[in-house]
PDB file of N, CA and C in Angstrom:
ATOM      1  N   MET A   1      -9.241  30.695 -18.831  1.00  0.00           N
ATOM      2  CA  MET A   1      -7.743  29.427 -18.433  1.00  0.00           C
ATOM      3  C   MET A   1      -9.188  28.289 -17.524  1.00  0.00           C
ATOM      4  N   THR A   2      -9.493  27.860 -17.493  1.00  0.00           N
ATOM      5  CA  THR A   2     -10.095  26.467 -18.115  1.00  0.00           C
ATOM      6  C   THR A   2      -9.183  25.354 -16.731  1.00  0.00           C
ATOM      7  N   ASP A   3     -10.275  24.757 -15.796  1.00  0.00           N
ATOM      8  CA  ASP A   3      -9.841  24.120 -13.875  1.00  0.00           C
ATOM      9  C   ASP A   3      -8.425  22.139 -15.001  1.00  0.00           C
ATOM     10  N   ILE A   4      -8.828  21.888 -16.393  1.00  0.00           N
ATOM     11  CA  ILE A   4      -7.682  20.747 -16.765  1.00  0.00           C
ATOM     12  C   ILE A   4      -6.082  22.414 -17.092  1.00  0.00           C
ATOM     13  N   ASP A   5      -6.987  23.479 -17.848  1.00  0.00           N
ATOM     14  CA  ASP A   5      -5.078  23.477 -17.688  1.00  0.00           C
ATOM     15  C   ASP A   5      -4.357  24.337 -16.342  1.00  0.00           C
ATOM     16  N   GLN A   6      -5.200  24.583 -15.304  1.00  0.00           N
ATOM     17  CA  GLN A   6      -4.586  24.428 -14.496  1.00  0.00           C
ATOM     18  C   GLN A   6      -3.606  23.085 -13.357  1.00  0.00           C
ATOM     19  N   LEU A   7      -4.170  21.660 -13.815  1.00  0.00           N
ATOM     20  CA  LEU A   7      -3.329  20.820 -13.052  1.00  0.00           C
ATOM     21  C   LEU A   7      -2.013  20.770 -13.177  1.00  0.00           C
ATOM     22  N   THR A   8      -1.398  20.259 -12.282  1.00  0.00           N
ATOM     23  CA  THR A   8       0.260  20.203 -12.120  1.00  0.00           C
ATOM     24  C   THR A   8       0.185  18.595 -11.731  1.00  0.00           C
ATOM     25  N   THR A   9      -0.653  17.917 -12.060  1.00  0.00           N
ATOM     26  CA  THR A   9       0.565  16.174 -11.380  1.00  0.00           C
ATOM     27  C   THR A   9      -0.039  15.673 -12.727  1.00  0.00           C
ATOM     28  N   ARG A  10       1.318  15.269 -13.573  1.00  0.00           N
ATOM     29  CA  ARG A  10       0.879  14.733 -14.643  1.00  0.00           C
ATOM     30  C   ARG A  10       0.285  12.927 -14.310  1.00  0.00           C
ATOM     31  N   THR A  11      -0.872  12.926 -15.565  1.00  0.00           N
ATOM     32  CA  THR A  11      -0.702  11.343 -15.756  1.00  0.00           C
ATOM     33  C   THR A  11       0.012  10.131 -16.013  1.00  0.00           C
ATOM     34  N   GLU A  12       0.120   9.512 -15.187  1.00  0.00           N
ATOM     35  CA  GLU A  12       1.367   7.703 -14.719  1.00  0.00           C
ATOM     36  C   GLU A  12      -0.011   6.979 -15.230  1.00  0.00           C
ATOM     37  N   HIS A  13       0.750   5.656 -15.887  1.00  0.00           N
ATOM     38  CA  HIS A  13       0.339   4.820 -16.140  1.00  0.00           C
ATOM     39  C   HIS A  13       1.048   3.658 -16.240  1.00  0.00           C
ATOM     40  N   ARG A  14       0.356   2.268 -15.698  1.00  0.00           N
ATOM     41  CA  ARG A  14       1.319   1.539 -15.493  1.00  0.00           C
ATOM     42  C   ARG A  14       1.244   0.693 -15.086  1.00  0.00           C
ATOM     43  N   ARG A  15       1.084  -0.850 -15.432  1.00  0.00           N
ATOM     44  CA  ARG A  15       0.578  -2.147 -15.550  1.00  0.00           C
ATOM     45  C   ARG A  15       1.005  -2.444 -14.381  1.00  0.00           C
ATOM     46  N   LEU A  16       0.369  -2.980 -13.073  1.00  0.00           N
ATOM     47  CA  LEU A  16       0.566  -4.203 -11.893  1.00  0.00           C
ATOM     48  C   LEU A  16       1.212  -5.714 -12.474  1.00  0.00           C
ATOM     49  N   ASP A  17       0.910  -6.298 -12.703  1.00  0.00           N
ATOM     50  CA  ASP A  17       1.776  -7.396 -13.497  1.00  0.00           C
ATOM     51  C   ASP A  17       3.213  -7.050 -14.255  1.00  0.00           C
ATOM     52  N   ASP A  18       2.938  -6.495 -14.881  1.00  0.00           N
ATOM     53  CA  ASP A  18       4.606  -5.866 -15.029  1.00  0.00           C
ATOM     54  C   ASP A  18       6.139  -5.509 -13.426  1.00  0.00           C
ATOM     55  N   LEU A  19       5.179  -5.614 -12.691  1.00  0.00           N
ATOM     56  CA  LEU A  19       5.565  -5.163 -11.647  1.00  0.00           C
ATOM     57  C   LEU A  19       6.582  -6.328 -10.855  1.00  0.00           C
ATOM     58  N   VAL A  20       6.667  -7.419 -11.312  1.00  0.00           N
ATOM     59  CA  VAL A  20       6.653  -7.961 -10.383  1.00  0.00           C
ATOM     60  C   VAL A  20       8.635  -8.571 -10.239  1.00  0.00           C
ATOM     61  N   GLU A  21       9.355  -7.698 -10.961  1.00  0.00           N
ATOM     62  CA  GLU A  21      10.657  -8.647 -10.120  1.00  0.00           C
ATOM     63  C   GLU A  21      11.477  -7.782  -8.841  1.00  0.00           C
ATOM     64  N   THR A  22      10.084  -7.238  -8.189  1.00  0.00           N
ATOM     65  CA  THR A  22      10.588  -7.217  -6.388  1.00  0.00           C
ATOM     66  C   THR A  22       9.079  -7.218  -5.394  1.00  0.00           C
ATOM     67  N   PRO A  23       9.393  -7.224  -4.119  1.00  0.00           N
ATOM     68  CA  PRO A  23       8.422  -7.435  -3.957  1.00  0.00           C
ATOM     69  C   PRO A  23       7.711  -6.659  -3.307  1.00  0.00           C
ATOM     70  N   HIS A  24       8.564  -5.139  -3.163  1.00  0.00           N
ATOM     71  CA  HIS A  24       8.581  -3.901  -3.139  1.00  0.00           C
ATOM     72  C   HIS A  24       8.326  -2.833  -4.525  1.00  0.00           C
ATOM     73  N   ALA A  25       7.926  -3.274  -4.975  1.00  0.00           N
ATOM     74  CA  ALA A  25       7.925  -2.714  -6.060  1.00  0.00           C
ATOM     75  C   ALA A  25       7.031  -1.312  -6.208  1.00  0.00           C
ATOM     76  N   HIS A  26       7.753  -0.115  -6.543  1.00  0.00           N
ATOM     77  CA  HIS A  26       7.579   1.484  -6.717  1.00  0.00           C
ATOM     78  C   HIS A  26       6.807   1.453  -7.878  1.00  0.00           C
ATOM     79  N   VAL A  27       5.955   2.413  -7.814  1.00  0.00           N
ATOM     80  CA  VAL A  27       4.898   2.066  -9.297  1.00  0.00           C
ATOM     81  C   VAL A  27       4.970   3.989  -9.259  1.00  0.00           C
ATOM     82  N   PHE A  28       4.526   4.224  -7.890  1.00  0.00           N
ATOM     83  CA  PHE A  28       4.766   5.979  -8.337  1.00  0.00           C
ATOM     84  C   PHE A  28       4.726   6.553  -6.947  1.00  0.00           C
ATOM     85  N   ASP A  29       5.907   8.420  -7.760  1.00  0.00           N
ATOM     86  CA  ASP A  29       6.616   8.937  -6.661  1.00  0.00           C
ATOM     87  C   ASP A  29       5.623   9.339  -5.662  1.00  0.00           C
ATOM     88  N   GLU A  30       4.734  10.502  -6.106  1.00  0.00           N
ATOM     89  CA  GLU A  30       3.557  11.335  -4.857  1.00  0.00           C
ATOM     90  C   GLU A  30       2.137  11.284  -5.718  1.00  0.00           C
ATOM     91  N   PRO A  31       1.074  10.517  -4.869  1.00  0.00           N
ATOM     92  CA  PRO A  31       1.414   9.912  -3.474  1.00  0.00           C
ATOM     93  C   PRO A  31       2.059   8.832  -3.654  1.00  0.00           C
ATOM     94  N   ARG A  32       3.150   8.942  -2.863  1.00  0.00           N
ATOM     95  CA  ARG A  32       4.010   6.971  -2.788  1.00  0.00           C
ATOM     96  C   ARG A  32       2.815   5.842  -2.972  1.00  0.00           C
ATOM     97  N   THR A  33       3.765   5.176  -4.011  1.00  0.00           N
ATOM     98  CA  THR A  33       2.121   3.758  -4.124  1.00  0.00           C
ATOM     99  C   THR A  33       3.638   2.838  -4.491  1.00  0.00           C
ATOM    100  N   VAL A  34       2.634   1.272  -3.585  1.00  0.00           N
ATOM    101  CA  VAL A  34       3.968   0.335  -3.950  1.00  0.00           C
ATOM    102  C   VAL A  34       3.054  -0.912  -4.233  1.00  0.00           C
ATOM    103  N   ARG A  35       3.501  -1.509  -4.949  1.00  0.00           N
ATOM    104  CA  ARG A  35       3.354  -2.935  -5.442  1.00  0.00           C
ATOM    105  C   ARG A  35       3.150  -4.069  -4.119  1.00  0.00           C
ATOM    106  N   LEU A  36       3.172  -3.880  -2.858  1.00  0.00           N
ATOM    107  CA  LEU A  36       3.859  -5.514  -1.974  1.00  0.00           C
ATOM    108  C   LEU A  36       3.299  -7.187  -2.735  1.00  0.00           C
ATOM    109  N   GLU A  37       4.226  -7.588  -2.690  1.00  0.00           N
ATOM    110  CA  GLU A  37       3.851  -9.409  -3.004  1.00  0.00           C
ATOM    111  C   GLU A  37       4.437 -10.275  -1.570  1.00  0.00           C
ATOM    112  N   LEU A  38       3.114 -10.788  -1.396  1.00  0.00           N
ATOM    113  CA  LEU A  38       4.494 -11.521   0.038  1.00  0.00           C
ATOM    114  C   LEU A  38       4.135 -12.755  -0.439  1.00  0.00           C
ATOM    115  N   ALA A  39       5.017 -14.331  -0.051  1.00  0.00           N
ATOM    116  CA  ALA A  39       4.273 -15.207  -0.213  1.00  0.00           C
ATOM    117  C   ALA A  39       4.059 -16.031   1.318  1.00  0.00           C
ATOM    118  N   ALA A  40       3.425 -17.152   1.624  1.00  0.00           N
ATOM    119  CA  ALA A  40       2.336 -17.571   2.712  1.00  0.00           C
ATOM    120  C   ALA A  40       3.277 -17.004   3.419  1.00  0.00           C
ATOM    121  N   GLY A  41       3.180 -16.362   4.738  1.00  0.00           N
ATOM    122  CA  GLY A  41       4.137 -16.910   6.101  1.00  0.00           C
ATOM    123  C   GLY A  41       5.441 -15.849   6.775  1.00  0.00           C
ATOM    124  N   GLU A  42       5.094 -15.219   5.269  1.00  0.00           N
ATOM    125  CA  GLU A  42       6.547 -13.752   4.552  1.00  0.00           C
ATOM    126  C   GLU A  42       5.332 -12.588   5.071  1.00  0.00           C
ATOM    127  N   GLY A  43       6.170 -12.111   5.847  1.00  0.00           N
ATOM    128  CA  GLY A  43       5.411 -10.701   6.705  1.00  0.00           C
ATOM    129  C   GLY A  43       6.850  -9.927   6.425  1.00  0.00           C
ATOM    130  N   VAL A  44       6.224  -7.966   6.677  1.00  0.00           N
ATOM    131  CA  VAL A  44       7.726  -7.183   6.668  1.00  0.00           C
ATOM    132  C   VAL A  44       7.687  -6.935   8.555  1.00  0.00           C
ATOM    133  N   PRO A  45       8.896  -6.576   9.064  1.00  0.00           N
ATOM    134  CA  PRO A  45       8.799  -6.270   9.785  1.00  0.00           C
ATOM    135  C   PRO A  45       8.076  -5.039   9.927  1.00  0.00           C
ATOM    136  N   SER A  46       7.912  -5.162  11.990  1.00  0.00           N
ATOM    137  CA  SER A  46       7.370  -4.023  12.222  1.00  0.00           C
ATOM    138  C   SER A  46       7.954  -2.165  11.969  1.00  0.00           C
ATOM    139  N   HIS A  47       7.294  -1.582  11.355  1.00  0.00           N
ATOM    140  CA  HIS A  47       7.577   0.069  10.661  1.00  0.00           C
ATOM    141  C   HIS A  47       6.903   0.842  11.253  1.00  0.00           C
ATOM    142  N   ARG A  48       6.762   2.136  10.682  1.00  0.00           N
ATOM    143  CA  ARG A  48       5.974   3.390  10.628  1.00  0.00           C
ATOM    144  C   ARG A  48       6.756   4.217   9.277  1.00  0.00           C
ATOM    145  N   HIS A  49       5.257   4.410   9.274  1.00  0.00           N
ATOM    146  CA  HIS A  49       5.093   5.841   7.678  1.00  0.00           C
ATOM    147  C   HIS A  49       4.630   7.368   8.474  1.00  0.00           C
ATOM    148  N   PRO A  50       5.380   8.084   9.219  1.00  0.00           N
ATOM    149  CA  PRO A  50       4.699   9.153  10.423  1.00  0.00           C
ATOM    150  C   PRO A  50       4.508   9.996   9.845  1.00  0.00           C
ATOM    151  N   GLU A  51       5.170  10.464   8.144  1.00  0.00           N
ATOM    152  CA  GLU A  51       4.399  11.252   7.259  1.00  0.00           C
ATOM    153  C   GLU A  51       3.277  11.499   6.787  1.00  0.00           C
ATOM    154  N   ARG A  52       2.942   9.714   7.252  1.00  0.00           N
ATOM    155  CA  ARG A  52       2.114   9.245   5.691  1.00  0.00           C
ATOM    156  C   ARG A  52       0.460   9.046   6.110  1.00  0.00           C
ATOM    157  N   THR A  53      -0.937   8.850   5.452  1.00  0.00           N
ATOM    158  CA  THR A  53      -1.305   8.442   5.628  1.00  0.00           C
ATOM    159  C   THR A  53      -1.456   7.299   4.566  1.00  0.00           C
ATOM    160  N   ILE A  54      -2.092   6.026   5.124  1.00  0.00           N
ATOM    161  CA  ILE A  54      -1.711   5.217   3.784  1.00  0.00           C
ATOM    162  C   ILE A  54      -3.085   3.917   3.657  1.00  0.00           C
ATOM    163  N   VAL A  55      -3.026   4.014   2.290  1.00  0.00           N
ATOM    164  CA  VAL A  55      -4.412   2.812   1.628  1.00  0.00           C
ATOM    165  C   VAL A  55      -3.457   0.989   1.682  1.00  0.00           C
ATOM    166  N   CYS A  56      -4.225   0.399   2.586  1.00  0.00           N
ATOM    167  CA  CYS A  56      -4.423  -0.690   1.780  1.00  0.00           C
ATOM    168  C   CYS A  56      -5.141  -1.801   0.641  1.00  0.00           C
ATOM    169  N   HIS A  57      -5.265  -1.961  -0.150  1.00  0.00           N
ATOM    170  CA  HIS A  57      -5.737  -2.108  -1.076  1.00  0.00           C
ATOM    171  C   HIS A  57      -5.298  -3.869  -1.702  1.00  0.00           C
ATOM    172  N   VAL A  58      -5.921  -4.945  -0.962  1.00  0.00           N
ATOM    173  CA  VAL A  58      -5.289  -6.220  -1.123  1.00  0.00           C
ATOM    174  C   VAL A  58      -5.819  -7.077  -2.487  1.00  0.00           C
ATOM    175  N   LEU A  59      -4.959  -7.322  -3.511  1.00  0.00           N
ATOM    176  CA  LEU A  59      -5.430  -7.940  -5.293  1.00  0.00           C
ATOM    177  C   LEU A  59      -5.557  -8.874  -5.061  1.00  0.00           C
ATOM    178  N   GLU A  60      -4.709 -10.141  -4.324  1.00  0.00           N
ATOM    179  CA  GLU A  60      -4.797 -11.692  -4.065  1.00  0.00           C
ATOM    180  C   GLU A  60      -4.571 -11.560  -2.961  1.00  0.00           C
ATOM    181  N   GLY A  61      -5.284 -12.738  -3.017  1.00  0.00           N
ATOM    182  CA  GLY A  61      -4.870 -13.843  -0.824  1.00  0.00           C
ATOM    183  C   GLY A  61      -5.427 -12.475  -0.400  1.00  0.00           C
ATOM    184  N   THR A  62      -4.291 -13.274   0.834  1.00  0.00           N
ATOM    185  CA  THR A  62      -4.782 -13.114   2.551  1.00  0.00           C
ATOM    186  C   THR A  62      -3.974 -12.479   2.972  1.00  0.00           C
ATOM    187  N   LEU A  63      -4.180 -11.215   3.952  1.00  0.00           N
ATOM    188  CA  LEU A  63      -3.088 -10.026   4.621  1.00  0.00           C
ATOM    189  C   LEU A  63      -3.403  -9.908   6.124  1.00  0.00           C
ATOM    190  N   GLU A  64      -2.422 -10.245   6.537  1.00  0.00           N
ATOM    191  CA  GLU A  64      -3.163  -9.747   7.854  1.00  0.00           C
ATOM    192  C   GLU A  64      -2.048  -8.934   7.817  1.00  0.00           C
ATOM    193  N   MET A  65      -2.698  -8.053   9.022  1.00  0.00           N
ATOM    194  CA  MET A  65      -2.242  -5.871   9.340  1.00  0.00           C
ATOM    195  C   MET A  65      -1.440  -5.445  10.817  1.00  0.00           C
ATOM    196  N   ARG A  66      -0.926  -5.924  10.909  1.00  0.00           N
ATOM    197  CA  ARG A  66      -1.123  -5.508  12.974  1.00  0.00           C
ATOM    198  C   ARG A  66      -0.585  -3.678  12.309  1.00  0.00           C
ATOM    199  N   LEU A  67      -1.697  -2.617  13.421  1.00  0.00           N
ATOM    200  CA  LEU A  67      -1.492  -2.138  13.449  1.00  0.00           C
ATOM    201  C   LEU A  67      -1.102  -1.146  15.340  1.00  0.00           C
ATOM    202  N   GLY A  68      -0.345  -1.363  15.788  1.00  0.00           N
ATOM    203  CA  GLY A  68      -0.388  -0.943  17.332  1.00  0.00           C
ATOM    204  C   GLY A  68      -0.760  -2.419  17.590  1.00  0.00           C
ATOM    205  N   ASP A  69      -1.818  -2.046  18.517  1.00  0.00           N
ATOM    206  CA  ASP A  69      -2.357  -2.848  18.962  1.00  0.00           C
ATOM    207  C   ASP A  69      -3.268  -4.120  18.426  1.00  0.00           C
ATOM    208  N   GLU A  70      -3.698  -4.277  17.167  1.00  0.00           N
ATOM    209  CA  GLU A  70      -4.496  -4.205  16.584  1.00  0.00           C
ATOM    210  C   GLU A  70      -4.231  -5.565  15.404  1.00  0.00           C
ATOM    211  N   GLU A  71      -5.492  -5.967  15.185  1.00  0.00           N
ATOM    212  CA  GLU A  71      -5.005  -7.233  14.393  1.00  0.00           C
ATOM    213  C   GLU A  71      -6.423  -7.041  12.448  1.00  0.00           C
ATOM    214  N   TYR A  72      -5.954  -6.788  11.599  1.00  0.00           N
ATOM    215  CA  TYR A  72      -6.672  -6.997  10.958  1.00  0.00           C
ATOM    216  C   TYR A  72      -6.280  -7.542   9.483  1.00  0.00           C
ATOM    217  N   VAL A  73      -7.813  -8.640   9.342  1.00  0.00           N
ATOM    218  CA  VAL A  73      -7.212  -9.520   7.603  1.00  0.00           C
ATOM    219  C   VAL A  73      -8.023  -9.594   6.691  1.00  0.00           C
ATOM    220  N   LEU A  74      -7.304  -8.964   6.152  1.00  0.00           N
ATOM    221  CA  LEU A  74      -7.770  -8.282   5.005  1.00  0.00           C
ATOM    222  C   LEU A  74      -8.134  -9.654   3.123  1.00  0.00           C
ATOM    223  N   GLU A  75      -8.766 -10.158   3.325  1.00  0.00           N
ATOM    224  CA  GLU A  75      -9.054 -10.806   1.944  1.00  0.00           C
ATOM    225  C   GLU A  75      -9.190  -9.571   1.284  1.00  0.00           C
ATOM    226  N   ALA A  76      -8.550 -10.321  -0.820  1.00  0.00           N
ATOM    227  CA  ALA A  76      -8.671 -10.151  -2.094  1.00  0.00           C
ATOM    228  C   ALA A  76      -9.542  -9.040  -1.855  1.00  0.00           C
ATOM    229  N   GLY A  77      -9.601  -7.757  -2.639  1.00  0.00           N
ATOM    230  CA  GLY A  77     -10.904  -7.217  -2.861  1.00  0.00           C
ATOM    231  C   GLY A  77     -11.607  -5.741  -1.826  1.00  0.00           C
ATOM    232  N   GLU A  78     -10.216  -5.902  -0.385  1.00  0.00           N
ATOM    233  CA  GLU A  78     -10.809  -5.449   1.134  1.00  0.00           C
ATOM    234  C   GLU A  78      -9.561  -4.490   1.199  1.00  0.00           C
ATOM    235  N   VAL A  79      -9.949  -3.011   1.179  1.00  0.00           N
ATOM    236  CA  VAL A  79      -9.291  -1.917   1.416  1.00  0.00           C
ATOM    237  C   VAL A  79      -9.087  -1.745   2.717  1.00  0.00           C
ATOM    238  N   LEU A  80      -8.549  -1.151   3.282  1.00  0.00           N
ATOM    239  CA  LEU A  80      -8.268  -0.415   4.626  1.00  0.00           C
ATOM    240  C   LEU A  80      -7.135   0.656   4.713  1.00  0.00           C
ATOM    241  N   ARG A  81      -8.211   1.713   5.678  1.00  0.00           N
ATOM    242  CA  ARG A  81      -6.533   3.350   4.791  1.00  0.00           C
ATOM    243  C   ARG A  81      -6.193   3.549   6.908  1.00  0.00           C
ATOM    244  N   PHE A  82      -5.348   3.645   7.097  1.00  0.00           N
ATOM    245  CA  PHE A  82      -5.215   4.112   8.365  1.00  0.00           C
ATOM    246  C   PHE A  82      -3.846   4.421   8.687  1.00  0.00           C
ATOM    247  N   ASP A  83      -3.754   5.035   9.788  1.00  0.00           N
ATOM    248  CA  ASP A  83      -2.638   6.214   9.916  1.00  0.00           C
ATOM    249  C   ASP A  83      -1.090   5.911  10.211  1.00  0.00           C
ATOM    250  N   GLY A  84      -0.009   5.654   9.304  1.00  0.00           N
ATOM    251  CA  GLY A  84       0.808   5.867   9.171  1.00  0.00           C
ATOM    252  C   GLY A  84       2.449   5.827  10.159  1.00  0.00           C
ATOM    253  N   ARG A  85       1.391   6.648  11.508  1.00  0.00           N
ATOM    254  CA  ARG A  85       3.033   7.081  12.682  1.00  0.00           C
ATOM    255  C   ARG A  85       2.230   5.656  13.684  1.00  0.00           C
ATOM    256  N   GLN A  86       1.201   4.494  13.036  1.00  0.00           N
ATOM    257  CA  GLN A  86       1.273   3.384  13.986  1.00  0.00           C
ATOM    258  C   GLN A  86       2.396   2.687  13.727  1.00  0.00           C
ATOM    259  N   GLU A  87       3.074   1.477  14.541  1.00  0.00           N
ATOM    260  CA  GLU A  87       3.585   0.151  14.591  1.00  0.00           C
ATOM    261  C   GLU A  87       2.669  -0.444  13.358  1.00  0.00           C
ATOM    262  N   ILE A  88       3.831  -0.841  12.422  1.00  0.00           N
ATOM    263  CA  ILE A  88       2.324  -1.613  11.462  1.00  0.00           C
ATOM    264  C   ILE A  88       3.555  -2.548  10.472  1.00  0.00           C
ATOM    265  N   ALA A  89       2.142  -3.675  10.236  1.00  0.00           N
ATOM    266  CA  ALA A  89       3.146  -5.246  10.258  1.00  0.00           C
ATOM    267  C   ALA A  89       2.967  -6.104   9.977  1.00  0.00           C
ATOM    268  N   PRO A  90       2.449  -5.879   8.256  1.00  0.00           N
ATOM    269  CA  PRO A  90       1.465  -7.294   7.629  1.00  0.00           C
ATOM    270  C   PRO A  90       2.258  -8.723   7.140  1.00  0.00           C
ATOM    271  N   GLU A  91       1.526  -9.283   7.266  1.00  0.00           N
ATOM    272  CA  GLU A  91       2.155 -10.715   7.004  1.00  0.00           C
ATOM    273  C   GLU A  91       0.964 -11.745   6.134  1.00  0.00           C
ATOM    274  N   ALA A  92       1.843 -12.014   5.239  1.00  0.00           N
ATOM    275  CA  ALA A  92       0.662 -13.036   4.457  1.00  0.00           C
ATOM    276  C   ALA A  92       0.798 -13.923   4.843  1.00  0.00           C
ATOM    277  N   ARG A  93      -1.138 -14.355   5.257  1.00  0.00           N
ATOM    278  CA  ARG A  93      -1.725 -15.603   5.529  1.00  0.00           C
ATOM    279  C   ARG A  93      -1.460 -17.141   3.837  1.00  0.00           C
ATOM    280  N   THR A  94      -1.535 -16.161   3.668  1.00  0.00           N
ATOM    281  CA  THR A  94      -1.906 -16.691   1.762  1.00  0.00           C
ATOM    282  C   THR A  94      -0.721 -16.129   1.225  1.00  0.00           C
ATOM    283  N   ASP A  95      -0.515 -16.746  -0.110  1.00  0.00           N
ATOM    284  CA  ASP A  95       0.086 -15.659  -0.749  1.00  0.00           C
ATOM    285  C   ASP A  95      -0.992 -14.292  -1.589  1.00  0.00           C
ATOM    286  N   ALA A  96       0.202 -13.280  -1.516  1.00  0.00           N
ATOM    287  CA  ALA A  96      -0.378 -12.180  -1.241  1.00  0.00           C
ATOM    288  C   ALA A  96       0.612 -11.524  -2.030  1.00  0.00           C
ATOM    289  N   THR A  97      -0.865 -10.563  -2.992  1.00  0.00           N
ATOM    290  CA  THR A  97      -0.751  -8.743  -3.195  1.00  0.00           C
ATOM    291  C   THR A  97      -1.083  -8.206  -3.127  1.00  0.00           C
ATOM    292  N   ALA A  98      -0.626  -7.123  -1.989  1.00  0.00           N
ATOM    293  CA  ALA A  98      -1.561  -5.861  -1.950  1.00  0.00           C
ATOM    294  C   ALA A  98      -1.032  -4.503  -2.958  1.00  0.00           C
ATOM    295  N   LEU A  99      -1.808  -3.271  -3.268  1.00  0.00           N
ATOM    296  CA  LEU A  99      -1.781  -1.851  -3.290  1.00  0.00           C
ATOM    297  C   LEU A  99      -1.611  -0.926  -2.661  1.00  0.00           C
ATOM    298  N   LEU A 100      -0.063  -0.849  -1.991  1.00  0.00           N
ATOM    299  CA  LEU A 100      -0.100  -0.006  -1.125  1.00  0.00           C
ATOM    300  C   LEU A 100       0.086   1.963  -2.014  1.00  0.00           C
ATOM    301  N   VAL A 101      -0.656   2.644  -0.943  1.00  0.00           N
ATOM    302  CA  VAL A 101      -0.850   3.904  -1.556  1.00  0.00           C
ATOM    303  C   VAL A 101      -0.155   4.637   0.009  1.00  0.00           C
ATOM    304  N   LEU A 102       0.623   5.282  -0.297  1.00  0.00           N
ATOM    305  CA  LEU A 102       0.791   6.231   0.920  1.00  0.00           C
ATOM    306  C   LEU A 102       0.925   8.307   0.749  1.00  0.00           C
ATOM    307  N   ALA A 103       0.146   8.224   1.264  1.00  0.00           N
ATOM    308  CA  ALA A 103      -0.257   9.995   0.887  1.00  0.00           C
ATOM    309  C   ALA A 103       0.434  11.084   2.205  1.00  0.00           C
ATOM    310  N   PRO A 104       0.918  11.425   1.494  1.00  0.00           N
ATOM    311  CA  PRO A 104       1.459  12.585   2.484  1.00  0.00           C
ATOM    312  C   PRO A 104       0.318  13.221   3.714  1.00  0.00           C
ATOM    313  N   ARG A 105       0.759  13.043   4.720  1.00  0.00           N
ATOM    314  CA  ARG A 105      -0.244  13.357   6.036  1.00  0.00           C
ATOM    315  C   ARG A 105      -0.831  15.068   5.530  1.00  0.00           C
ATOM    316  N   ASP A 106      -2.260  15.490   5.734  1.00  0.00           N
ATOM    317  CA  ASP A 106      -2.425  16.772   5.618  1.00  0.00           C
ATOM    318  C   ASP A 106      -2.800  17.604   7.052  1.00  0.00           C
ATOM    319  N   ASP A 107      -1.721  17.597   7.795  1.00  0.00           N
ATOM    320  CA  ASP A 107      -2.197  17.821   9.383  1.00  0.00           C
ATOM    321  C   ASP A 107      -0.660  17.792  10.170  1.00  0.00           C
TER     322      ASP A 107
END
């Protein structure tokens, strides 16, 4: 048996452009993957994902990401990885689209 024969994750393919029906479009189950689209000035209320490590890749625009007491300003093409146990509050400085991957924590 080869390593390929032992794979348990099935291959899935999506076009992000096809997921414009909602600002929080679900892309994949696990790791949970979400396409986030926000208009300039629009944000998501502060919240947590305590069981997750999160990677945020900004695809278009500028996104301000508040993580606890810290603030990160992400431009298109930038990536941020963080612990979902802290308070998270994204807000778009310009119209923005991001891809978020919420992976189960490994600790």
